[in-house]
Amino acid sequence: MNDLTRNIVLWIVIAIVLVAVFSNFGQRASGPEEVDYSQFLVQVEAGSIRSATFQGDRITGERADGTKFYTYNPETDNSVLIGQLHSKSVLFGAQPPERQGFLLQLFVSSFPILLLIGVWIYFMRQMQGGAGGRGAMSFGKSRARLLSEDQVKATFADVAGIDEAKE
């Protein structure tokens, strides 16, 4: 595999990894509608909320017309809100807060270090040059070969008119 192909494959792999990482953190389309907390309280008082689920500081739910929504709870004590939901006969429950998977968290936290190590290895291989003297520091290396007397092909007749060669 030549250098150009290897570089193209390397950049494609880097692009795929970056797209995969950033798509994980992107916003999801066509999800539930975000509602202000004050509007949520007004809808609870009006009786237009069918169900609500507490997940950390996030409240997700469904209205009486079937549309889904979510809001963020600024309160740390939910007892007043739970009393309101109970008095309006709203179904409610709770779920544990979402957590990232261990492997994803490990990959995201170690990705910058792995990227730096990969770049360092790439530059070290370029500096070593390998065969052909194509490395970054190969400009000072001589490509001259030592020839013995029987390998010399130039004769005096080849350089007959050149004064410097006669000397």
N, C-alpha and C. Protein backbone atom coordinates (compact mmCIF):
# COMPACT_ATOMS: atom_id res chain seq x y z
N MET A 1 0.86 -1.17 0.00
CA MET A 1 0.00 0.00 0.00
C MET A 1 0.90 1.23 0.00
N ASN A 2 0.70 2.14 -0.94
CA ASN A 2 1.58 3.30 -1.01
C ASN A 2 1.15 4.36 0.02
N ASP A 3 1.97 5.40 0.14
CA ASP A 3 1.76 6.42 1.16
C ASP A 3 0.45 7.18 0.98
N LEU A 4 0.12 7.51 -0.25
CA LEU A 4 -1.10 8.28 -0.50
C LEU A 4 -2.33 7.49 -0.07
N THR A 5 -2.38 6.22 -0.40
CA THR A 5 -3.52 5.39 -0.02
C THR A 5 -3.60 5.26 1.50
N ARG A 6 -2.45 5.08 2.13
CA ARG A 6 -2.44 4.94 3.59
C ARG A 6 -2.92 6.23 4.26
N ASN A 7 -2.49 7.38 3.75
CA ASN A 7 -2.93 8.66 4.32
C ASN A 7 -4.42 8.87 4.12
N ILE A 8 -4.93 8.52 2.96
CA ILE A 8 -6.36 8.68 2.70
C ILE A 8 -7.17 7.78 3.63
N VAL A 9 -6.74 6.54 3.81
CA VAL A 9 -7.44 5.62 4.71
C VAL A 9 -7.39 6.15 6.15
N LEU A 10 -6.25 6.69 6.56
CA LEU A 10 -6.11 7.24 7.90
C LEU A 10 -7.09 8.39 8.11
N TRP A 11 -7.19 9.30 7.16
CA TRP A 11 -8.10 10.45 7.30
C TRP A 11 -9.56 9.99 7.28
N ILE A 12 -9.88 8.98 6.50
CA ILE A 12 -11.25 8.48 6.47
C ILE A 12 -11.61 7.87 7.82
N VAL A 13 -10.69 7.11 8.41
CA VAL A 13 -10.94 6.51 9.72
C VAL A 13 -11.12 7.59 10.78
N ILE A 14 -10.28 8.63 10.75
CA ILE A 14 -10.41 9.73 11.70
C ILE A 14 -11.75 10.43 11.53
N ALA A 15 -12.17 10.66 10.29
CA ALA A 15 -13.45 11.32 10.03
C ALA A 15 -14.62 10.48 10.55
N ILE A 16 -14.57 9.16 10.33
CA ILE A 16 -15.65 8.29 10.80
C ILE A 16 -15.73 8.30 12.32
N VAL A 17 -14.58 8.26 12.98
CA VAL A 17 -14.58 8.28 14.45
C VAL A 17 -15.14 9.60 14.96
N LEU A 18 -14.74 10.72 14.36
CA LEU A 18 -15.25 12.02 14.80
C LEU A 18 -16.75 12.14 14.57
N VAL A 19 -17.23 11.67 13.44
CA VAL A 19 -18.68 11.72 13.17
C VAL A 19 -19.43 10.87 14.19
N ALA A 20 -18.89 9.70 14.51
CA ALA A 20 -19.56 8.83 15.48
C ALA A 20 -19.60 9.47 16.86
N VAL A 21 -18.50 10.10 17.26
CA VAL A 21 -18.46 10.73 18.59
C VAL A 21 -19.40 11.92 18.64
N PHE A 22 -19.36 12.80 17.64
CA PHE A 22 -20.19 13.99 17.69
C PHE A 22 -21.66 13.70 17.43
N SER A 23 -21.99 12.66 16.72
CA SER A 23 -23.40 12.32 16.52
C SER A 23 -24.02 11.80 17.82
N ASN A 24 -23.19 11.26 18.69
CA ASN A 24 -23.68 10.81 19.99
C ASN A 24 -24.11 11.98 20.85
N PHE A 25 -23.45 13.13 20.68
CA PHE A 25 -23.74 14.29 21.50
C PHE A 25 -24.72 15.25 20.84
N GLY A 26 -25.10 15.01 19.61
CA GLY A 26 -26.00 15.90 18.88
C GLY A 26 -27.42 15.81 19.42
N GLN A 27 -28.22 16.80 19.06
CA GLN A 27 -29.61 16.80 19.49
C GLN A 27 -30.42 15.82 18.66
N ARG A 28 -31.35 15.20 19.29
CA ARG A 28 -32.22 14.26 18.60
C ARG A 28 -33.38 15.03 17.96
N ALA A 29 -33.66 14.72 16.72
CA ALA A 29 -34.76 15.39 16.02
C ALA A 29 -36.07 14.67 16.31
N SER A 30 -37.15 15.37 16.12
CA SER A 30 -38.52 14.87 16.26
C SER A 30 -38.77 14.24 17.63
N GLY A 31 -38.22 14.86 18.67
CA GLY A 31 -38.45 14.37 20.02
C GLY A 31 -39.59 15.14 20.66
N PRO A 32 -39.76 14.96 21.94
CA PRO A 32 -40.83 15.69 22.63
C PRO A 32 -40.54 17.19 22.67
N GLU A 33 -41.57 17.96 22.83
CA GLU A 33 -41.48 19.42 22.84
C GLU A 33 -41.01 19.90 24.20
N GLU A 34 -40.12 20.90 24.22
CA GLU A 34 -39.67 21.47 25.49
C GLU A 34 -40.67 22.53 25.94
N VAL A 35 -41.03 22.47 27.21
CA VAL A 35 -42.00 23.39 27.79
C VAL A 35 -41.35 24.06 28.99
N ASP A 36 -41.63 25.34 29.18
CA ASP A 36 -41.15 26.03 30.38
C ASP A 36 -41.81 25.43 31.61
N TYR A 37 -41.12 25.51 32.73
CA TYR A 37 -41.64 24.93 33.97
C TYR A 37 -42.92 25.63 34.40
N SER A 38 -42.98 26.94 34.20
CA SER A 38 -44.20 27.68 34.57
C SER A 38 -45.39 27.25 33.71
N GLN A 39 -45.15 27.00 32.42
CA GLN A 39 -46.24 26.51 31.56
C GLN A 39 -46.68 25.11 32.00
N PHE A 40 -45.72 24.31 32.42
CA PHE A 40 -46.04 22.97 32.92
C PHE A 40 -46.96 23.06 34.14
N LEU A 41 -46.64 23.98 35.06
CA LEU A 41 -47.48 24.14 36.25
C LEU A 41 -48.88 24.62 35.88
N VAL A 42 -48.98 25.53 34.91
CA VAL A 42 -50.28 26.01 34.46
C VAL A 42 -51.08 24.86 33.84
N GLN A 43 -50.41 24.01 33.05
CA GLN A 43 -51.10 22.88 32.43
C GLN A 43 -51.53 21.85 33.47
N VAL A 44 -50.76 21.69 34.53
CA VAL A 44 -51.16 20.78 35.61
C VAL A 44 -52.42 21.32 36.29
N GLU A 45 -52.45 22.61 36.59
CA GLU A 45 -53.63 23.22 37.23
C GLU A 45 -54.86 23.14 36.33
N ALA A 46 -54.64 23.24 34.99
CA ALA A 46 -55.76 23.17 34.05
C ALA A 46 -56.24 21.73 33.85
N GLY A 47 -55.47 20.76 34.28
CA GLY A 47 -55.86 19.36 34.15
C GLY A 47 -55.58 18.79 32.77
N SER A 48 -54.64 19.40 32.03
CA SER A 48 -54.36 18.92 30.67
C SER A 48 -53.15 17.99 30.62
N ILE A 49 -52.64 17.55 31.75
CA ILE A 49 -51.50 16.63 31.79
C ILE A 49 -52.03 15.24 32.16
N ARG A 50 -51.68 14.24 31.35
CA ARG A 50 -52.12 12.86 31.60
C ARG A 50 -51.13 12.12 32.49
N SER A 51 -49.80 12.25 32.19
CA SER A 51 -48.80 11.53 32.98
C SER A 51 -47.51 12.34 33.03
N ALA A 52 -46.70 12.07 34.06
CA ALA A 52 -45.42 12.74 34.24
C ALA A 52 -44.44 11.75 34.85
N THR A 53 -43.18 11.85 34.40
CA THR A 53 -42.12 10.99 34.91
C THR A 53 -40.93 11.85 35.30
N PHE A 54 -40.46 11.69 36.53
CA PHE A 54 -39.31 12.43 37.03
C PHE A 54 -38.06 11.61 36.76
N GLN A 55 -37.07 12.25 36.15
CA GLN A 55 -35.79 11.58 35.90
C GLN A 55 -34.69 12.59 36.21
N GLY A 56 -34.18 12.54 37.42
CA GLY A 56 -33.22 13.54 37.87
C GLY A 56 -33.92 14.89 37.96
N ASP A 57 -33.41 15.90 37.29
CA ASP A 57 -34.06 17.22 37.27
C ASP A 57 -34.93 17.41 36.04
N ARG A 58 -35.12 16.37 35.27
CA ARG A 58 -35.94 16.43 34.05
C ARG A 58 -37.30 15.77 34.29
N ILE A 59 -38.33 16.43 33.79
CA ILE A 59 -39.68 15.88 33.87
C ILE A 59 -40.17 15.65 32.46
N THR A 60 -40.51 14.41 32.13
CA THR A 60 -41.10 14.11 30.83
C THR A 60 -42.55 13.71 31.08
N GLY A 61 -43.36 13.93 30.07
CA GLY A 61 -44.75 13.60 30.27
C GLY A 61 -45.55 13.59 29.00
N GLU A 62 -46.86 13.37 29.18
CA GLU A 62 -47.79 13.32 28.06
C GLU A 62 -49.02 14.13 28.43
N ARG A 63 -49.47 14.94 27.49
CA ARG A 63 -50.67 15.74 27.70
C ARG A 63 -51.91 14.87 27.44
N ALA A 64 -53.06 15.42 27.74
CA ALA A 64 -54.32 14.70 27.54
C ALA A 64 -54.58 14.48 26.05
N ASP A 65 -54.04 15.36 25.19
CA ASP A 65 -54.24 15.18 23.74
C ASP A 65 -53.22 14.22 23.12
N GLY A 66 -52.31 13.67 23.91
CA GLY A 66 -51.37 12.66 23.41
C GLY A 66 -50.01 13.20 23.03
N THR A 67 -49.79 14.51 23.04
CA THR A 67 -48.47 15.05 22.69
C THR A 67 -47.53 14.90 23.87
N LYS A 68 -46.27 14.64 23.55
CA LYS A 68 -45.26 14.45 24.59
C LYS A 68 -44.49 15.75 24.80
N PHE A 69 -43.98 15.93 26.01
CA PHE A 69 -43.24 17.14 26.36
C PHE A 69 -42.18 16.79 27.40
N TYR A 70 -41.30 17.77 27.62
CA TYR A 70 -40.36 17.65 28.73
C TYR A 70 -40.04 19.04 29.25
N THR A 71 -39.65 19.10 30.50
CA THR A 71 -39.25 20.35 31.13
C THR A 71 -38.22 20.02 32.21
N TYR A 72 -37.59 21.05 32.73
CA TYR A 72 -36.59 20.86 33.78
C TYR A 72 -37.11 21.43 35.08
N ASN A 73 -36.95 20.67 36.13
CA ASN A 73 -37.48 21.03 37.44
C ASN A 73 -36.44 21.84 38.20
N PRO A 74 -36.73 23.12 38.51
CA PRO A 74 -35.76 23.92 39.26
C PRO A 74 -35.77 23.62 40.76
N GLU A 75 -36.78 22.93 41.23
CA GLU A 75 -36.90 22.67 42.65
C GLU A 75 -36.16 21.40 43.04
N THR A 76 -35.61 21.39 44.24
CA THR A 76 -34.98 20.17 44.74
C THR A 76 -35.99 19.32 45.51
N ASP A 77 -36.99 19.97 46.09
CA ASP A 77 -38.03 19.24 46.82
C ASP A 77 -39.28 19.19 45.95
N ASN A 78 -39.70 17.99 45.55
CA ASN A 78 -40.84 17.82 44.66
C ASN A 78 -42.14 17.56 45.39
N SER A 79 -42.18 17.70 46.71
CA SER A 79 -43.39 17.31 47.45
C SER A 79 -44.59 18.17 47.09
N VAL A 80 -44.41 19.47 46.84
CA VAL A 80 -45.53 20.33 46.47
C VAL A 80 -46.05 19.95 45.09
N LEU A 81 -45.13 19.73 44.14
CA LEU A 81 -45.52 19.35 42.79
C LEU A 81 -46.21 17.99 42.79
N ILE A 82 -45.70 17.06 43.58
CA ILE A 82 -46.31 15.73 43.65
C ILE A 82 -47.72 15.83 44.23
N GLY A 83 -47.91 16.72 45.21
CA GLY A 83 -49.25 16.94 45.76
C GLY A 83 -50.20 17.49 44.71
N GLN A 84 -49.72 18.42 43.88
CA GLN A 84 -50.55 18.98 42.81
C GLN A 84 -50.91 17.90 41.79
N LEU A 85 -49.91 17.10 41.41
CA LEU A 85 -50.16 16.03 40.43
C LEU A 85 -51.17 15.03 40.98
N HIS A 86 -51.05 14.70 42.25
CA HIS A 86 -51.96 13.73 42.87
C HIS A 86 -53.39 14.29 42.94
N SER A 87 -53.51 15.57 43.27
CA SER A 87 -54.85 16.16 43.37
C SER A 87 -55.55 16.26 42.01
N LYS A 88 -54.78 16.35 40.93
CA LYS A 88 -55.35 16.43 39.58
C LYS A 88 -55.43 15.06 38.90
N SER A 89 -55.16 13.99 39.63
CA SER A 89 -55.24 12.61 39.14
C SER A 89 -54.30 12.36 37.96
N VAL A 90 -53.09 12.91 38.05
CA VAL A 90 -52.08 12.70 37.02
C VAL A 90 -51.25 11.48 37.41
N LEU A 91 -51.03 10.57 36.47
CA LEU A 91 -50.16 9.42 36.73
C LEU A 91 -48.72 9.92 36.74
N PHE A 92 -47.98 9.58 37.78
CA PHE A 92 -46.58 10.02 37.84
C PHE A 92 -45.71 8.93 38.42
N GLY A 93 -44.43 9.03 38.07
CA GLY A 93 -43.44 8.06 38.55
C GLY A 93 -42.06 8.67 38.45
N ALA A 94 -41.06 7.86 38.77
CA ALA A 94 -39.68 8.35 38.74
C ALA A 94 -38.77 7.28 38.14
N GLN A 95 -37.71 7.74 37.52
CA GLN A 95 -36.68 6.86 36.97
C GLN A 95 -35.32 7.37 37.42
N PRO A 96 -34.33 6.49 37.49
CA PRO A 96 -32.99 6.97 37.86
C PRO A 96 -32.43 7.86 36.75
N PRO A 97 -31.53 8.79 37.10
CA PRO A 97 -30.94 9.67 36.08
C PRO A 97 -30.17 8.85 35.04
N GLU A 98 -30.16 9.34 33.79
CA GLU A 98 -29.44 8.65 32.72
C GLU A 98 -27.94 8.73 32.98
N ARG A 99 -27.27 7.62 32.69
CA ARG A 99 -25.82 7.58 32.81
C ARG A 99 -25.25 7.05 31.51
N GLN A 100 -24.08 7.58 31.14
CA GLN A 100 -23.40 7.07 29.96
C GLN A 100 -22.84 5.70 30.27
N GLY A 101 -22.73 4.88 29.24
CA GLY A 101 -22.12 3.57 29.41
C GLY A 101 -20.64 3.71 29.74
N PHE A 102 -20.12 2.72 30.43
CA PHE A 102 -18.72 2.77 30.86
C PHE A 102 -17.77 2.84 29.68
N LEU A 103 -18.02 2.04 28.64
CA LEU A 103 -17.11 2.03 27.49
C LEU A 103 -17.14 3.36 26.74
N LEU A 104 -18.32 3.95 26.59
CA LEU A 104 -18.40 5.24 25.92
C LEU A 104 -17.69 6.32 26.73
N GLN A 105 -17.90 6.31 28.03
CA GLN A 105 -17.25 7.29 28.89
C GLN A 105 -15.73 7.10 28.86
N LEU A 106 -15.26 5.86 28.86
CA LEU A 106 -13.83 5.58 28.78
C LEU A 106 -13.26 6.05 27.45
N PHE A 107 -13.97 5.77 26.35
CA PHE A 107 -13.51 6.18 25.03
C PHE A 107 -13.44 7.70 24.90
N VAL A 108 -14.48 8.39 25.36
CA VAL A 108 -14.51 9.85 25.24
C VAL A 108 -13.42 10.49 26.08
N SER A 109 -13.18 9.97 27.26
CA SER A 109 -12.15 10.56 28.12
C SER A 109 -10.74 10.24 27.64
N SER A 110 -10.54 9.10 26.99
CA SER A 110 -9.19 8.74 26.55
C SER A 110 -8.91 9.09 25.09
N PHE A 111 -9.91 9.57 24.35
CA PHE A 111 -9.72 9.87 22.94
C PHE A 111 -8.64 10.93 22.68
N PRO A 112 -8.60 12.04 23.42
CA PRO A 112 -7.53 13.02 23.15
C PRO A 112 -6.13 12.45 23.38
N ILE A 113 -5.97 11.64 24.39
CA ILE A 113 -4.66 11.04 24.66
C ILE A 113 -4.28 10.09 23.53
N LEU A 114 -5.22 9.26 23.10
CA LEU A 114 -4.96 8.33 22.01
C LEU A 114 -4.64 9.07 20.71
N LEU A 115 -5.31 10.19 20.48
CA LEU A 115 -5.05 10.98 19.29
C LEU A 115 -3.64 11.57 19.33
N LEU A 116 -3.22 12.08 20.48
CA LEU A 116 -1.86 12.61 20.60
C LEU A 116 -0.81 11.52 20.41
N ILE A 117 -1.05 10.35 20.97
CA ILE A 117 -0.11 9.24 20.80
C ILE A 117 -0.03 8.84 19.33
N GLY A 118 -1.18 8.79 18.66
CA GLY A 118 -1.20 8.44 17.24
C GLY A 118 -0.44 9.45 16.39
N VAL A 119 -0.62 10.74 16.66
CA VAL A 119 0.11 11.78 15.92
C VAL A 119 1.59 11.67 16.20
N TRP A 120 1.97 11.41 17.44
CA TRP A 120 3.38 11.28 17.80
C TRP A 120 4.02 10.10 17.06
N ILE A 121 3.32 8.96 17.02
CA ILE A 121 3.85 7.79 16.31
C ILE A 121 3.98 8.09 14.82
N TYR A 122 2.98 8.78 14.25
CA TYR A 122 3.03 9.14 12.83
C TYR A 122 4.25 9.99 12.52
N PHE A 123 4.51 11.02 13.34
CA PHE A 123 5.67 11.87 13.10
C PHE A 123 6.99 11.14 13.32
N MET A 124 7.03 10.24 14.29
CA MET A 124 8.26 9.48 14.52
C MET A 124 8.56 8.57 13.33
N ARG A 125 7.55 7.96 12.76
CA ARG A 125 7.77 7.11 11.58
C ARG A 125 8.20 7.95 10.39
N GLN A 126 7.68 9.16 10.26
CA GLN A 126 8.08 10.03 9.17
C GLN A 126 9.54 10.47 9.33
N MET A 127 9.95 10.69 10.57
CA MET A 127 11.33 11.15 10.80
C MET A 127 12.33 10.01 10.57
N GLN A 128 11.93 8.79 10.86
CA GLN A 128 12.84 7.67 10.64
C GLN A 128 13.07 7.45 9.16
N GLY A 129 12.09 7.70 8.38
CA GLY A 129 12.27 7.64 6.93
C GLY A 129 12.06 6.27 6.34
N GLY A 130 12.52 5.25 6.95
CA GLY A 130 12.39 3.92 6.37
C GLY A 130 13.21 3.80 5.10
N ALA A 131 12.82 2.91 4.22
CA ALA A 131 13.56 2.70 2.97
C ALA A 131 13.27 3.82 2.00
N GLY A 132 14.28 4.23 1.26
CA GLY A 132 14.09 5.24 0.23
C GLY A 132 14.41 6.64 0.68
N GLY A 133 14.69 6.86 1.95
CA GLY A 133 15.05 8.18 2.41
C GLY A 133 13.94 9.20 2.23
N ARG A 134 12.70 8.82 2.52
CA ARG A 134 11.59 9.73 2.31
C ARG A 134 11.20 10.47 3.58
N GLY A 135 11.91 10.30 4.65
CA GLY A 135 11.54 10.89 5.93
C GLY A 135 11.77 12.38 5.98
N ALA A 136 11.30 12.99 7.08
CA ALA A 136 11.39 14.43 7.23
C ALA A 136 12.83 14.89 7.39
N MET A 137 13.69 14.07 7.96
CA MET A 137 15.07 14.48 8.21
C MET A 137 16.04 13.85 7.22
N SER A 138 15.59 13.44 6.06
CA SER A 138 16.46 12.74 5.12
C SER A 138 17.22 13.69 4.21
N PHE A 139 17.02 15.01 4.35
CA PHE A 139 17.69 15.93 3.44
C PHE A 139 19.20 15.96 3.68
N GLY A 140 19.68 15.60 4.84
CA GLY A 140 21.11 15.63 5.12
C GLY A 140 21.81 14.32 4.86
N LYS A 141 21.12 13.31 4.51
CA LYS A 141 21.72 12.00 4.30
C LYS A 141 22.27 11.91 2.88
N SER A 142 23.48 11.44 2.78
CA SER A 142 24.12 11.31 1.47
C SER A 142 23.69 10.01 0.81
N ARG A 143 23.43 10.07 -0.47
CA ARG A 143 23.06 8.87 -1.22
C ARG A 143 24.24 8.39 -2.09
N ALA A 144 25.42 8.91 -1.80
CA ALA A 144 26.59 8.53 -2.59
C ALA A 144 26.99 7.10 -2.27
N ARG A 145 27.51 6.40 -3.30
CA ARG A 145 27.95 5.02 -3.11
C ARG A 145 29.46 4.97 -3.36
N LEU A 146 30.10 4.12 -2.63
CA LEU A 146 31.54 3.92 -2.79
C LEU A 146 31.77 2.93 -3.92
N LEU A 147 32.53 3.34 -4.92
CA LEU A 147 32.79 2.48 -6.08
C LEU A 147 34.26 2.03 -6.06
N SER A 148 34.46 0.82 -6.46
CA SER A 148 35.84 0.33 -6.58
C SER A 148 36.37 0.70 -7.98
N GLU A 149 37.66 0.43 -8.22
CA GLU A 149 38.27 0.83 -9.50
C GLU A 149 37.66 0.10 -10.70
N ASP A 150 37.25 -1.14 -10.52
CA ASP A 150 36.70 -1.89 -11.65
C ASP A 150 35.27 -1.47 -11.99
N GLN A 151 34.62 -0.69 -11.13
CA GLN A 151 33.26 -0.23 -11.39
C GLN A 151 33.22 1.13 -12.08
N VAL A 152 34.36 1.81 -12.19
CA VAL A 152 34.40 3.13 -12.80
C VAL A 152 34.25 2.98 -14.31
N LYS A 153 33.30 3.67 -14.90
CA LYS A 153 33.02 3.56 -16.32
C LYS A 153 33.59 4.73 -17.12
N ALA A 154 33.92 5.85 -16.48
CA ALA A 154 34.43 7.02 -17.20
C ALA A 154 35.92 6.82 -17.51
N THR A 155 36.31 7.15 -18.74
CA THR A 155 37.72 7.04 -19.17
C THR A 155 38.24 8.42 -19.46
N PHE A 156 39.57 8.49 -19.73
CA PHE A 156 40.19 9.77 -20.05
C PHE A 156 39.64 10.33 -21.36
N ALA A 157 39.27 9.45 -22.26
CA ALA A 157 38.72 9.89 -23.54
C ALA A 157 37.34 10.57 -23.35
N ASP A 158 36.59 10.15 -22.32
CA ASP A 158 35.28 10.76 -22.07
C ASP A 158 35.43 12.21 -21.60
N VAL A 159 36.51 12.53 -20.92
CA VAL A 159 36.70 13.87 -20.37
C VAL A 159 37.87 14.58 -21.01
N ALA A 160 38.20 14.30 -22.24
CA ALA A 160 39.41 14.79 -22.90
C ALA A 160 39.47 16.28 -23.02
N GLY A 161 38.38 16.97 -23.26
CA GLY A 161 38.44 18.40 -23.47
C GLY A 161 38.29 19.23 -22.21
N ILE A 162 38.13 18.64 -21.06
CA ILE A 162 37.87 19.37 -19.83
C ILE A 162 39.18 19.52 -19.07
N ASP A 163 39.63 20.76 -18.88
CA ASP A 163 40.91 21.02 -18.24
C ASP A 163 40.94 20.59 -16.79
N GLU A 164 39.85 20.78 -16.05
CA GLU A 164 39.83 20.41 -14.64
C GLU A 164 39.97 18.91 -14.45
N ALA A 165 39.41 18.12 -15.37
CA ALA A 165 39.49 16.67 -15.25
C ALA A 165 40.91 16.20 -15.52
N LYS A 166 41.67 16.91 -16.40
CA LYS A 166 43.05 16.53 -16.68
C LYS A 166 43.93 16.75 -15.48
N GLU A 167 43.67 17.79 -14.73
CA GLU A 167 44.48 18.08 -13.55
C GLU A 167 44.25 17.00 -12.51
